[in-house]
Amino acid sequence: MRLLHTMLRVGDLQKSIDFYTRVMGMELLRTTDRPEQQYSLAFVGYGGNPGQAEIELTYNYGVERYELGTAFGHVAIAVGDAAATCARVKAAGGTVTREAGPVKGGSTVIAFVQDPDGYKIELIERRDA
């Protein structure tokens, strides 16, 4: 078994594609439009399956906003330098919700950014990123 993708429902597909590609540096891997079923999909990532898991952005026609609830936490991405990544995100118009620094009770450097729909993305500083 292997992880294929995580699906996030979004209110503006193009705005989300722009965030994940322009701000987070992912590639737009493929898109699907299903007018009869009234939804569109865009898959983004740092490479596609099978080598990398992807994020599936799902836009349901006519739905501009979702309640995120309290169960979902975040998507995590390994980065070489969390502070530099935060600076790039801010320069590109993105939102940093927690600046780079050590995780509580540990030494791993993390930060959090937020996508246009409010989903949190944890940046975990790793030398192998």
Protein backbone atom coordinates (compact mmCIF):
# COMPACT_ATOMS: atom_id res chain seq x y z
CA MET A 1 0.00 0.00 0.00
CA ARG A 2 1.02 3.61 -0.49
CA LEU A 3 -0.49 7.04 0.01
CA LEU A 4 -1.84 8.43 -3.29
CA HIS A 5 -3.41 11.80 -2.51
CA THR A 6 -5.26 14.00 -0.05
CA MET A 7 -8.44 15.69 -1.27
CA LEU A 8 -9.28 19.27 -0.24
CA ARG A 9 -12.59 20.92 -1.21
CA VAL A 10 -11.98 24.46 -2.44
CA GLY A 11 -14.20 27.46 -3.18
CA ASP A 12 -12.20 28.90 -6.10
CA LEU A 13 -10.25 26.31 -8.09
CA GLN A 14 -8.05 28.76 -9.99
CA LYS A 15 -7.16 30.68 -6.82
CA SER A 16 -6.16 27.40 -5.15
CA ILE A 17 -4.15 26.23 -8.15
CA ASP A 18 -2.34 29.57 -8.13
CA PHE A 19 -1.54 29.26 -4.42
CA TYR A 20 -0.20 25.73 -4.61
CA THR A 21 1.81 26.31 -7.79
CA ARG A 22 2.98 29.92 -7.50
CA VAL A 23 3.26 30.29 -3.71
CA MET A 24 4.10 26.72 -2.63
CA GLY A 25 6.11 25.77 -5.74
CA MET A 26 4.09 22.68 -6.69
CA GLU A 27 3.33 21.58 -10.24
CA LEU A 28 -0.16 21.36 -11.72
CA LEU A 29 -0.13 17.66 -12.61
CA ARG A 30 -3.54 17.21 -14.25
CA THR A 31 -7.10 18.51 -14.29
CA THR A 32 -10.52 16.99 -14.89
CA ASP A 33 -13.79 18.79 -15.48
CA ARG A 34 -17.08 16.90 -15.00
CA PRO A 35 -19.89 19.31 -15.94
CA GLU A 36 -22.58 16.62 -15.80
CA GLN A 37 -21.59 15.83 -12.21
CA GLN A 38 -20.91 19.52 -11.48
CA TYR A 39 -17.36 19.32 -10.20
CA SER A 40 -13.78 19.96 -11.34
CA LEU A 41 -10.52 18.50 -10.06
CA ALA A 42 -6.92 19.67 -10.13
CA PHE A 43 -4.04 17.55 -8.87
CA VAL A 44 -0.94 19.37 -7.61
CA GLY A 45 2.32 18.17 -6.10
CA TYR A 46 6.09 18.09 -6.18
CA GLY A 47 5.98 15.23 -8.67
CA GLY A 48 3.28 12.72 -9.36
CA ASN A 49 2.40 9.22 -8.36
CA PRO A 50 3.93 6.78 -7.75
CA GLY A 51 6.97 8.66 -6.42
CA GLN A 52 5.11 11.43 -4.60
CA ALA A 53 1.71 11.78 -2.99
CA GLU A 54 -0.48 14.53 -4.51
CA ILE A 55 -3.10 16.99 -3.35
CA GLU A 56 -6.46 16.75 -5.12
CA LEU A 57 -8.25 20.11 -5.20
CA THR A 58 -11.99 19.56 -5.69
CA TYR A 59 -14.31 22.36 -6.76
CA ASN A 60 -18.03 21.58 -6.56
CA TYR A 61 -19.95 23.96 -8.83
CA GLY A 62 -21.64 26.76 -6.93
CA VAL A 63 -19.93 26.12 -3.58
CA GLU A 64 -17.69 29.04 -2.66
CA ARG A 65 -16.94 28.20 0.97
CA TYR A 66 -16.69 25.19 3.28
CA GLU A 67 -16.73 24.81 7.04
CA LEU A 68 -13.37 23.23 7.85
CA GLY A 69 -14.52 21.65 11.09
CA THR A 70 -12.32 20.66 13.98
CA ALA A 71 -11.16 17.21 12.85
CA PHE A 72 -8.80 18.21 10.03
CA GLY A 73 -5.38 19.36 11.19
CA HIS A 74 -2.94 20.13 8.39
CA VAL A 75 -0.91 18.93 5.44
CA ALA A 76 2.86 18.68 6.15
CA ILE A 77 5.62 19.55 3.68
CA ALA A 78 9.37 19.09 4.18
CA VAL A 79 11.42 22.22 3.41
CA GLY A 80 15.14 22.94 3.56
CA ASP A 81 14.75 26.27 5.39
CA ALA A 82 11.44 27.06 7.10
CA ALA A 83 12.21 30.75 7.68
CA ALA A 84 13.22 31.30 4.04
CA THR A 85 10.10 29.45 2.87
CA CYS A 86 7.92 31.68 5.07
CA ALA A 87 9.59 34.76 3.58
CA ARG A 88 8.88 33.48 0.04
CA VAL A 89 5.26 32.69 0.93
CA LYS A 90 4.74 36.21 2.35
CA ALA A 91 6.47 37.83 -0.65
CA ALA A 92 4.11 35.92 -2.96
CA GLY A 93 1.06 37.19 -1.04
CA GLY A 94 0.53 34.08 1.09
CA THR A 95 -0.34 33.97 4.79
CA VAL A 96 2.05 32.72 7.47
CA THR A 97 0.15 31.77 10.63
CA ARG A 98 3.17 30.61 12.66
CA GLU A 99 6.67 31.84 11.98
CA ALA A 100 9.54 29.36 11.83
CA GLY A 101 10.78 28.14 15.20
CA PRO A 102 11.22 25.00 17.28
CA VAL A 103 8.22 22.81 17.92
CA LYS A 104 7.00 22.99 21.52
CA GLY A 105 9.03 20.62 23.63
CA GLY A 106 11.50 19.77 20.86
CA SER A 107 14.10 21.09 18.49
CA THR A 108 12.56 20.45 15.04
CA VAL A 109 11.95 23.77 13.29
CA ILE A 110 8.42 24.15 11.95
CA ALA A 111 6.16 26.90 10.61
CA PHE A 112 2.58 27.09 9.38
CA VAL A 113 1.08 28.76 6.32
CA GLN A 114 -2.55 28.91 5.24
CA ASP A 115 -4.07 28.36 1.79
CA PRO A 116 -6.92 30.52 0.35
CA ASP A 117 -9.59 28.24 1.86
CA GLY A 118 -8.05 28.26 5.34
CA TYR A 119 -6.34 24.87 5.22
CA LYS A 120 -3.14 24.82 7.27
CA ILE A 121 0.16 23.62 5.82
CA GLU A 122 2.95 22.74 8.22
CA LEU A 123 6.46 23.39 6.96
CA ILE A 124 8.92 21.00 8.61
CA GLU A 125 12.58 21.89 8.26
CA ARG A 126 14.60 18.88 7.12
CA ARG A 127 18.11 18.68 5.72
CA ASP A 128 17.01 16.11 3.11
CA ALA A 129 14.28 18.35 1.65
